Structures are given as C-alpha cells and as structure tokens.
Amino acid sequence: MEEMKGGGPITYILTALTALGGAFILALLLTLGSETTWLTGLTIGLLIGLSISLKIGMNYLFENSKLQLYFITIGYHLVSYLIAGIIIGAWQS
C-alpha cells in the first residue's frame, strides 16, 4: 500500500509543469501550419498522443507489465493531447 502513494506536493507541481510543457509544444507545432482550426489541433494532438503511446509501449514490453495497464496509461495521454489540440486549435483560429 505504501508504494501506491502518489508522492508529495512536489510530484503534483512537477506533473502540472510537464503537462503545461506538452501543451506548449503542441501549440508551437500548431503555429507551423498555414491554417489552424480545431480539426488541425485534433489531428496534431492525435499524432503526438500516438507517438508518445508507442514510445511508452517500448517500456511496457521490457517491463512485462499487464496490457490493461498499458491501455490505461496511453489512454490518458491520447485523450489529454486530443482535448488540448482541439482547445488550442480552436483558440488560435
């Protein structure tokens, strides 16, 4: 049970900073195109989310982790980048 603790406040602060960093990079990528809409945001968010998910998959292969845990982990990244892409794309249009 001790292993399942989420860590102290610094863990949550660093998690928020990494999420902001990922959203910032997504916004930068969206500015490279000629037209930015919610649909381009969705597309770029999907591509980034899939890329991250595939890279995470390499770790799960070497760790022999359960497949269900892998899908939970990548689901979080996919959904967060899709939503961020839609919001940032709609905001920039």
Protein backbone atom coordinates (compact mmCIF):
# COMPACT_ATOMS: atom_id res chain seq x y z
CA MET A 1 0.00 0.00 0.00
CA GLU A 2 2.92 2.33 0.73
CA GLU A 3 4.07 2.03 -2.91
CA MET A 4 0.73 3.32 -4.16
CA LYS A 5 1.05 6.73 -2.51
CA GLY A 6 1.19 9.44 -5.14
CA GLY A 7 4.07 11.37 -3.63
CA GLY A 8 4.15 14.76 -2.01
CA PRO A 9 3.13 18.16 -3.34
CA ILE A 10 6.27 18.43 -5.46
CA THR A 11 5.08 15.45 -7.52
CA TYR A 12 1.84 17.24 -8.39
CA ILE A 13 3.64 20.50 -9.16
CA LEU A 14 6.07 18.76 -11.50
CA THR A 15 3.21 16.84 -13.12
CA ALA A 16 1.38 20.10 -13.82
CA LEU A 17 4.56 21.63 -15.26
CA THR A 18 5.13 18.69 -17.59
CA ALA A 19 1.50 18.89 -18.77
CA LEU A 20 1.93 22.61 -19.48
CA GLY A 21 5.18 21.87 -21.32
CA GLY A 22 3.44 19.31 -23.51
CA ALA A 23 0.61 21.74 -24.28
CA PHE A 24 3.14 24.45 -25.11
CA ILE A 25 4.95 22.17 -27.59
CA LEU A 26 1.59 21.24 -29.12
CA ALA A 27 0.76 24.94 -29.53
CA LEU A 28 4.15 25.55 -31.16
CA LEU A 29 3.56 22.73 -33.63
CA LEU A 30 0.14 24.12 -34.48
CA THR A 31 1.65 27.51 -35.36
CA LEU A 32 3.87 25.88 -38.01
CA GLY A 33 0.91 25.19 -40.29
CA SER A 34 -0.77 27.70 -42.57
CA GLU A 35 -4.23 27.23 -41.10
CA THR A 36 -5.03 26.36 -37.50
CA THR A 37 -8.50 25.07 -36.64
CA TRP A 38 -9.92 22.70 -34.09
CA LEU A 39 -9.56 19.93 -36.69
CA THR A 40 -5.84 20.53 -37.23
CA GLY A 41 -5.47 20.67 -33.46
CA LEU A 42 -7.26 17.33 -33.19
CA THR A 43 -5.03 15.81 -35.88
CA ILE A 44 -1.74 17.05 -34.44
CA GLY A 45 -2.89 16.10 -30.92
CA LEU A 46 -3.71 12.60 -32.14
CA LEU A 47 -0.33 12.22 -33.83
CA ILE A 48 1.56 13.39 -30.74
CA GLY A 49 -0.55 11.17 -28.49
CA LEU A 50 0.05 8.14 -30.71
CA SER A 51 3.77 8.85 -30.86
CA ILE A 52 4.01 9.05 -27.08
CA SER A 53 1.87 5.94 -26.70
CA LEU A 54 4.12 3.93 -28.99
CA LYS A 55 7.23 5.05 -27.11
CA ILE A 56 5.61 4.13 -23.79
CA GLY A 57 4.84 0.74 -25.33
CA MET A 58 8.55 0.00 -25.56
CA ASN A 59 8.84 0.40 -21.79
CA TYR A 60 5.89 -1.91 -21.18
CA LEU A 61 7.45 -4.58 -23.41
CA PHE A 62 10.64 -4.60 -21.38
CA GLU A 63 8.84 -4.39 -18.03
CA ASN A 64 6.45 -7.26 -18.82
CA SER A 65 3.60 -5.15 -17.47
CA LYS A 66 -0.04 -6.01 -17.94
CA LEU A 67 -1.62 -4.96 -21.22
CA GLN A 68 -4.57 -3.37 -19.38
CA LEU A 69 -2.21 -1.05 -17.52
CA TYR A 70 -0.63 -0.05 -20.82
CA PHE A 71 -4.02 0.88 -22.30
CA ILE A 72 -4.92 2.91 -19.22
CA THR A 73 -1.65 4.80 -19.42
CA ILE A 74 -1.78 5.54 -23.14
CA GLY A 75 -5.49 6.36 -22.94
CA TYR A 76 -4.67 9.21 -20.59
CA HIS A 77 -2.06 10.62 -22.97
CA LEU A 78 -4.21 10.20 -26.06
CA VAL A 79 -7.25 11.87 -24.54
CA SER A 80 -5.27 14.72 -22.99
CA TYR A 81 -3.50 15.56 -26.27
CA LEU A 82 -6.72 15.28 -28.27
CA ILE A 83 -8.53 17.67 -25.94
CA ALA A 84 -5.56 20.06 -25.76
CA GLY A 85 -5.28 20.01 -29.55
CA ILE A 86 -8.95 20.85 -30.02
CA ILE A 87 -8.82 23.67 -27.46
CA ILE A 88 -5.57 25.19 -28.73
CA GLY A 89 -6.60 24.80 -32.39
CA ALA A 90 -9.97 26.45 -31.82
CA TRP A 91 -8.35 29.20 -29.77
CA GLN A 92 -5.79 30.03 -32.48
CA SER A 93 -8.32 30.13 -35.31
